[in-house]
C-alpha cells in the first residue's frame, strides 16, 4: 500500500511518526484502516489545549520534562499563538498547559490579554511557581487555575515537586483563598498525581484543602507503570480512595477520582468513569504543541494529525489521520496510549 498516495504531500512524515510507534499488529490494522478512511467536514472543537512552552523549571520524577532545564527557545511565539487560535471557529475555552510551565513565557500576560479580549474562558494548569498576580488575573476573569499538588506534607511535596519550596507555595494558596471573592476561589483546583510514594497523602490533602478553602481536587495517574506497582498496591489505593472520598464529602470538597488506575478497577462509590471505554475527546478538543504539531487530547497522546505551520486547522481537523484516529478510538484496535486512560471530562468543566 502506498500511504503517500493517500495523504497530502506535506504530511508524508505522519505515517512513519504514527504507525511506526504502534505495535506491529496494530500498525498493519491502522494502515489498512487508513485506506478506507475519508476526509470529513466536522464542526471545529470548542476547546483547545495549547502548549506555549515545552520547558519546565521543576524536575518532577514522574514527568522529567524539567531535567533538561529551562529553555526559552521552545516557545510558541505570540504571533503564532494568535494565528493558531484565530483558525478555530467557535472556540470557547483555551487551556494553557502541556509539557512545560506556561508562566515561564516572559510575555505571558500578553497571551492572556489576547484570550480575554476574544472572550475566551481560560484554564491554566501550573506548578504554582508563577506570579500570584497571574493567577488572580485568570480567576478574576472567570477562568480556572489548576495547580499540580502531589502531597500534603512538606517533605513529600518537595521530594516530588523539586525544587519547589513548600512554604512559598503554601503562602500563595492561602493568599488566593483569602483575597479573592468566594465564587472565584471555587475555580481553583489541585491536581494530585498518584504515585507509589504518595498514596497515603491524598486523604491528608483533603484536610489541608478544607483548611485552605480549596474545594476541588482532581486525581490523576502517570502513564509510566513499568514497575507494575499499581497491581501490588491496588488494595491500598482503593482504601485510600474510600477514606479520601468520605473526608471530601464531609468537608464539602469536590473530589474527582478515576474509576481505574492502570486498568485496576477501583470499586468505590463516587468514582468517575474515565474515557477509556467510550472516548469523545477527539471530536471535542484539540491539542496544539509549541512547535505547531496537532495532537489528539489533553492526555498528550503522541499521535499527530498534522502541523499548524504546514496546513490550515480546518484541513488538519478533517484530514485522514484525524478521522482514522476517531474511527479506531472506541474499538479493540485503539491506540495503546489510550488503554487505561484516566481522563474524565467532568473534572475539567
Protein backbone atom coordinates (compact mmCIF):
# COMPACT_ATOMS: atom_id res chain seq x y z
CA UNK A 1 0.00 0.00 0.00
CA UNK A 2 1.34 3.40 -0.96
CA UNK A 3 0.44 5.55 2.03
CA UNK A 4 1.89 8.65 0.44
CA UNK A 5 -0.67 8.48 -2.34
CA UNK A 6 -3.46 8.73 0.22
CA UNK A 7 -2.34 11.85 2.04
CA UNK A 8 -1.29 15.39 1.26
CA UNK A 9 2.32 15.77 0.17
CA UNK A 10 3.21 17.93 3.18
CA UNK A 11 2.06 15.25 5.60
CA UNK A 12 4.19 12.38 4.30
CA UNK A 13 6.08 12.11 7.58
CA UNK A 14 2.94 11.34 9.57
CA UNK A 15 2.71 7.69 8.59
CA UNK A 16 6.17 6.92 9.98
CA UNK A 17 5.62 9.05 13.10
CA UNK A 18 2.27 7.50 13.91
CA UNK A 19 2.33 3.96 12.55
CA UNK A 20 5.98 3.42 13.39
CA UNK A 21 5.17 3.98 17.07
CA UNK A 22 2.46 1.29 17.07
CA UNK A 23 2.95 -2.41 17.80
CA UNK A 24 3.33 -4.36 14.55
CA UNK A 25 -0.17 -5.91 14.56
CA UNK A 26 -1.83 -2.54 15.19
CA UNK A 27 0.33 -0.76 12.66
CA UNK A 28 -0.96 -3.07 9.93
CA UNK A 29 -4.56 -2.62 11.07
CA UNK A 30 -4.25 1.15 11.10
CA UNK A 31 -2.61 1.24 7.65
CA UNK A 32 -5.47 -0.85 6.26
CA UNK A 33 -7.93 1.40 8.08
CA UNK A 34 -6.38 4.47 6.51
CA UNK A 35 -7.18 3.17 3.04
CA UNK A 36 -10.91 3.20 3.82
CA UNK A 37 -10.89 6.47 5.74
CA UNK A 38 -12.25 9.63 4.15
CA UNK A 39 -11.86 13.31 4.83
CA UNK A 40 -14.73 14.98 6.67
CA UNK A 41 -16.30 18.35 7.31
CA UNK A 42 -16.65 18.27 11.09
CA UNK A 43 -17.56 21.22 13.27
CA UNK A 44 -14.47 22.67 14.94
CA UNK A 45 -13.92 21.86 18.64
CA UNK A 46 -14.93 24.42 21.26
CA UNK A 47 -11.88 23.66 23.39
CA UNK A 48 -8.16 23.83 22.62
CA UNK A 49 -5.26 22.80 24.83
CA UNK A 50 -2.27 24.86 23.80
CA UNK A 51 1.31 24.27 24.84
CA UNK A 52 3.00 27.66 24.60
CA UNK A 53 6.26 26.37 26.09
CA UNK A 54 7.94 22.98 26.12
CA UNK A 55 10.17 23.53 29.15
CA UNK A 56 9.75 23.50 32.91
CA UNK A 57 11.51 24.86 35.97
CA UNK A 58 10.58 21.80 38.06
CA UNK A 59 12.10 18.34 37.67
CA UNK A 60 9.39 16.01 38.97
CA UNK A 61 10.33 12.30 38.84
CA UNK A 62 7.05 11.21 37.18
CA UNK A 63 7.45 13.75 34.37
CA UNK A 64 11.11 14.66 33.91
CA UNK A 65 10.49 17.41 31.35
CA UNK A 66 12.40 19.69 33.69
CA UNK A 67 15.51 17.52 33.73
CA UNK A 68 16.77 19.49 30.72
CA UNK A 69 16.44 22.86 32.44
CA UNK A 70 14.52 25.91 31.24
CA UNK A 71 14.80 26.53 27.50
CA UNK A 72 13.01 29.65 26.31
CA UNK A 73 13.72 28.72 22.70
CA UNK A 74 11.00 26.07 22.91
CA UNK A 75 8.17 28.62 22.98
CA UNK A 76 5.20 29.26 20.69
CA UNK A 77 5.60 32.96 19.83
CA UNK A 78 2.64 35.25 20.46
CA UNK A 79 2.02 35.88 16.76
CA UNK A 80 1.87 32.13 16.07
CA UNK A 81 -0.40 31.67 19.09
CA UNK A 82 -2.80 34.33 17.80
CA UNK A 83 -2.80 32.85 14.31
CA UNK A 84 -3.47 29.34 15.64
CA UNK A 85 -6.35 30.49 17.84
CA UNK A 86 -7.93 32.54 15.08
CA UNK A 87 -8.27 29.49 12.81
CA UNK A 88 -10.53 27.52 15.19
CA UNK A 89 -14.12 28.58 14.59
CA UNK A 90 -16.41 28.66 17.62
CA UNK A 91 -13.59 28.22 20.12
CA UNK A 92 -14.76 29.00 23.66
CA UNK A 93 -12.18 27.55 26.04
CA UNK A 94 -8.39 27.55 25.91
CA UNK A 95 -6.40 25.54 28.39
CA UNK A 96 -2.78 26.57 28.71
CA UNK A 97 -0.77 23.53 29.61
CA UNK A 98 1.43 20.92 28.10
CA UNK A 99 4.89 19.56 28.75
CA UNK A 100 6.03 22.83 30.24
CA UNK A 101 5.18 25.66 32.66
CA UNK A 102 3.26 28.37 30.78
CA UNK A 103 4.05 31.13 33.26
CA UNK A 104 7.74 30.92 32.30
CA UNK A 105 6.98 32.67 28.99
CA UNK A 106 8.29 36.23 29.54
CA UNK A 107 5.29 37.97 27.92
CA UNK A 108 2.69 35.53 29.28
CA UNK A 109 0.44 38.46 30.21
CA UNK A 110 0.04 39.29 26.53
CA UNK A 111 -1.22 35.78 25.74
CA UNK A 112 -3.82 36.15 28.48
CA UNK A 113 -4.84 39.62 27.34
CA UNK A 114 -5.49 38.32 23.83
CA UNK A 115 -7.65 35.47 25.12
CA UNK A 116 -9.65 37.72 27.41
CA UNK A 117 -10.13 40.23 24.60
CA UNK A 118 -11.60 37.42 22.48
CA UNK A 119 -13.94 36.39 25.29
CA UNK A 120 -12.27 33.02 25.85
CA UNK A 121 -12.59 31.05 29.03
CA UNK A 122 -9.03 30.40 30.20
CA UNK A 123 -7.82 27.37 32.12
CA UNK A 124 -4.25 27.19 33.36
CA UNK A 125 -2.51 24.09 34.65
CA UNK A 126 0.57 25.24 36.56
CA UNK A 127 3.15 24.02 39.04
CA UNK A 128 2.39 27.05 41.21
CA UNK A 129 5.68 28.83 40.60
CA UNK A 130 4.10 31.65 38.60
CA UNK A 131 3.45 35.17 39.84
CA UNK A 132 0.36 35.17 42.04
CA UNK A 133 -1.00 38.18 40.17
CA UNK A 134 -1.22 35.99 37.06
CA UNK A 135 -3.39 33.50 38.90
CA UNK A 136 -5.59 36.25 40.28
CA UNK A 137 -5.97 37.76 36.82
CA UNK A 138 -7.23 34.47 35.40
CA UNK A 139 -9.57 33.78 38.31
CA UNK A 140 -10.96 37.31 38.24
CA UNK A 141 -11.76 36.87 34.54
CA UNK A 142 -13.94 33.78 35.06
CA UNK A 143 -11.03 31.42 34.40
CA UNK A 144 -9.79 28.35 36.21
CA UNK A 145 -6.40 27.68 37.79
CA UNK A 146 -5.35 24.06 38.37
CA UNK A 147 -2.22 23.69 40.48
CA UNK A 148 -0.23 20.45 40.48
CA UNK A 149 0.00 19.38 44.11
CA UNK A 150 1.04 15.82 44.95
CA UNK A 151 1.41 15.77 48.72
CA UNK A 152 0.02 17.10 51.97
CA UNK A 153 3.32 17.39 53.81
CA UNK A 154 6.42 19.46 53.18
CA UNK A 155 8.93 16.58 52.98
CA UNK A 156 6.98 14.53 50.44
CA UNK A 157 5.91 17.59 48.47
CA UNK A 158 9.47 18.82 48.00
CA UNK A 159 10.67 15.29 47.23
CA UNK A 160 8.26 15.06 44.28
CA UNK A 161 7.96 18.67 43.10
CA UNK A 162 11.63 19.53 43.14
CA UNK A 163 12.94 22.21 43.65
CA UNK A 164 9.63 23.62 44.94
CA UNK A 165 9.51 25.42 48.25
CA UNK A 166 6.51 24.23 50.27
CA UNK A 167 6.37 27.33 52.44
CA UNK A 168 6.36 29.71 49.47
CA UNK A 169 3.61 27.80 47.68
CA UNK A 170 1.50 27.46 50.82
CA UNK A 171 1.68 31.23 51.21
CA UNK A 172 0.35 31.63 47.65
CA UNK A 173 -2.50 29.20 48.26
CA UNK A 174 -3.54 30.99 51.43
CA UNK A 175 -3.27 34.38 49.72
CA UNK A 176 -5.53 33.21 46.88
CA UNK A 177 -8.07 31.68 49.24
CA UNK A 178 -8.34 34.82 51.39
CA UNK A 179 -8.04 37.66 48.88
CA UNK A 180 -10.50 36.61 46.18
CA UNK A 181 -14.30 36.55 46.07
CA UNK A 182 -15.77 33.19 47.14
CA UNK A 183 -17.01 32.34 43.62
CA UNK A 184 -13.52 32.83 42.21
CA UNK A 185 -11.90 30.69 44.90
CA UNK A 186 -14.18 27.86 43.76
CA UNK A 187 -12.40 27.93 40.39
CA UNK A 188 -9.12 26.79 41.93
CA UNK A 189 -8.32 23.07 41.85
CA UNK A 190 -5.37 20.98 42.97
CA UNK A 191 -4.17 18.22 40.64
CA UNK A 192 -2.91 15.22 42.60
CA UNK A 193 -0.88 12.71 40.57
CA UNK A 194 -0.97 9.40 42.37
CA UNK A 195 2.33 7.54 42.60
CA UNK A 196 3.71 4.67 44.62
CA UNK A 197 5.29 7.04 47.13
CA UNK A 198 2.31 9.31 47.84
CA UNK A 199 -0.80 7.10 48.07
CA UNK A 200 -1.37 7.93 51.75
CA UNK A 201 -1.09 11.68 51.08
CA UNK A 202 -4.47 12.06 49.36
CA UNK A 203 -6.72 11.88 52.41
CA UNK A 204 -4.38 14.21 54.30
CA UNK A 205 -4.54 16.66 51.41
CA UNK A 206 -8.34 16.71 51.72
CA UNK A 207 -7.98 18.04 55.26
CA UNK A 208 -5.42 20.61 54.14
CA UNK A 209 -7.76 21.82 51.41
CA UNK A 210 -10.58 22.21 53.91
CA UNK A 211 -8.30 24.49 55.91
CA UNK A 212 -7.14 26.36 52.78
CA UNK A 213 -10.72 26.76 51.48
CA UNK A 214 -9.83 24.90 48.27
CA UNK A 215 -12.89 22.98 47.13
CA UNK A 216 -11.63 20.90 44.16
CA UNK A 217 -9.11 18.06 43.92
CA UNK A 218 -8.51 16.10 40.73
CA UNK A 219 -6.71 12.76 40.96
CA UNK A 220 -4.50 11.88 38.01
CA UNK A 221 -2.17 8.96 37.28
CA UNK A 222 1.08 8.94 35.34
CA UNK A 223 1.30 6.79 32.23
CA UNK A 224 4.51 5.04 33.30
CA UNK A 225 3.69 1.82 35.13
CA UNK A 226 6.68 -0.20 34.01
CA UNK A 227 7.41 -1.47 37.51
CA UNK A 228 3.83 -2.67 37.88
CA UNK A 229 3.46 -1.10 41.31
CA UNK A 230 -0.29 -0.50 40.99
CA UNK A 231 -1.05 -4.23 40.93
CA UNK A 232 0.56 -4.76 44.33
CA UNK A 233 -0.87 -1.52 45.71
CA UNK A 234 -4.45 -1.91 44.43
CA UNK A 235 -5.99 -2.55 47.86
CA UNK A 236 -4.03 0.33 49.37
CA UNK A 237 -5.15 2.70 46.61
CA UNK A 238 -8.76 1.58 46.95
CA UNK A 239 -8.68 2.01 50.73
CA UNK A 240 -7.16 5.48 50.43
CA UNK A 241 -9.77 6.48 47.85
CA UNK A 242 -12.57 5.38 50.20
CA UNK A 243 -11.16 7.40 53.10
CA UNK A 244 -10.49 10.41 50.88
CA UNK A 245 -13.99 10.26 49.41
CA UNK A 246 -15.58 10.20 52.86
CA UNK A 247 -13.46 13.13 54.03
CA UNK A 248 -14.20 15.10 50.88
CA UNK A 249 -17.95 14.62 51.33
CA UNK A 250 -17.74 15.64 54.98
CA UNK A 251 -15.75 18.79 54.13
CA UNK A 252 -17.74 19.80 51.02
CA UNK A 253 -14.82 19.23 48.67
CA UNK A 254 -15.30 18.06 45.09
CA UNK A 255 -13.01 15.06 44.75
CA UNK A 256 -12.61 13.70 41.23
CA UNK A 257 -11.47 10.09 41.46
CA UNK A 258 -10.82 7.88 38.43
CA UNK A 259 -12.69 4.58 38.26
CA UNK A 260 -9.48 2.73 37.42
CA UNK A 261 -5.74 3.20 37.71
CA UNK A 262 -3.65 1.45 35.05
CA UNK A 263 -6.52 -0.91 34.36
CA UNK A 264 -7.03 -1.79 38.01
CA UNK A 265 -10.70 -1.19 38.70
CA UNK A 266 -11.33 0.99 41.73
CA UNK A 267 -14.55 -0.29 43.21
CA UNK A 268 -15.81 2.62 45.26
CA UNK A 269 -18.93 4.70 45.13
CA UNK A 270 -18.35 8.18 43.77
CA UNK A 271 -15.50 7.39 41.36
CA UNK A 272 -15.95 9.00 37.94
CA UNK A 273 -15.96 6.88 34.81
CA UNK A 274 -12.97 7.61 32.64
CA UNK A 275 -12.99 7.81 28.87
CA UNK A 276 -11.13 4.57 28.31
CA UNK A 277 -14.29 2.74 27.15
CA UNK A 278 -16.05 5.48 25.21
CA UNK A 279 -13.93 8.48 24.40
CA UNK A 280 -15.43 11.57 22.77
CA UNK A 281 -12.41 13.86 23.15
CA UNK A 282 -11.14 13.61 19.53
CA UNK A 283 -14.40 15.28 18.48
CA UNK A 284 -14.49 17.83 21.32
CA UNK A 285 -10.98 19.17 21.83
CA UNK A 286 -7.62 19.55 20.19
CA UNK A 287 -4.04 19.90 21.39
CA UNK A 288 -1.60 22.23 19.67
CA UNK A 289 2.01 21.80 20.73
CA UNK A 290 4.60 24.57 20.90
CA UNK A 291 6.04 23.56 17.50
CA UNK A 292 2.66 23.51 15.75
CA UNK A 293 2.04 19.75 15.97
CA UNK A 294 -1.65 18.94 16.37
CA UNK A 295 -2.46 16.05 18.68
CA UNK A 296 -5.44 14.17 19.99
CA UNK A 297 -6.27 15.15 23.55
CA UNK A 298 -5.10 16.69 26.79
CA UNK A 299 -3.53 13.41 27.92
CA UNK A 300 -0.86 14.11 25.28
CA UNK A 301 -1.18 11.02 23.19
CA UNK A 302 1.83 11.17 20.82
CA UNK A 303 -0.35 10.59 17.75
CA UNK A 304 -0.05 13.60 15.39
CA UNK A 305 -2.79 14.80 13.00
CA UNK A 306 -0.71 17.43 11.27
CA UNK A 307 1.10 20.71 11.85
CA UNK A 308 -0.38 24.21 12.03
CA UNK A 309 2.62 25.66 10.23
CA UNK A 310 2.07 23.41 7.21
CA UNK A 311 -1.73 23.27 6.88
CA UNK A 312 -4.80 25.19 7.94
CA UNK A 313 -6.57 23.99 11.06
CA UNK A 314 -9.67 23.03 9.09
CA UNK A 315 -7.62 20.78 6.81
CA UNK A 316 -5.93 19.13 9.78
CA UNK A 317 -9.12 18.67 11.82
CA UNK A 318 -10.81 16.89 8.92
CA UNK A 319 -7.90 15.03 7.36
CA UNK A 320 -7.42 11.28 7.03
CA UNK A 321 -5.19 10.89 10.05
CA UNK A 322 -7.65 12.70 12.33
CA UNK A 323 -10.56 10.60 11.13
CA UNK A 324 -8.58 7.37 11.30
CA UNK A 325 -7.89 8.00 14.98
CA UNK A 326 -11.58 8.74 15.59
CA UNK A 327 -12.52 5.54 13.79
CA UNK A 328 -10.18 3.42 15.93
CA UNK A 329 -10.51 5.09 19.34
CA UNK A 330 -13.52 3.15 20.66
CA UNK A 331 -12.56 -0.24 19.26
CA UNK A 332 -10.24 -3.02 20.38
CA UNK A 333 -7.70 -1.56 17.95
CA UNK A 334 -7.44 1.75 19.82
CA UNK A 335 -4.09 3.46 20.20
CA UNK A 336 -2.05 1.78 23.01
CA UNK A 337 -1.65 5.15 24.74
CA UNK A 338 -5.43 5.28 25.18
CA UNK A 339 -5.64 1.99 27.05
CA UNK A 340 -6.43 2.55 30.73
CA UNK A 341 -6.81 6.30 30.27
CA UNK A 342 -7.63 8.19 33.48
CA UNK A 343 -9.08 11.31 31.87
CA UNK A 344 -12.63 12.19 32.85
CA UNK A 345 -14.20 15.27 31.37
CA UNK A 346 -16.26 16.12 34.46
CA UNK A 347 -13.18 17.25 36.37
CA UNK A 348 -12.38 20.00 33.89
CA UNK A 349 -15.79 21.62 33.44
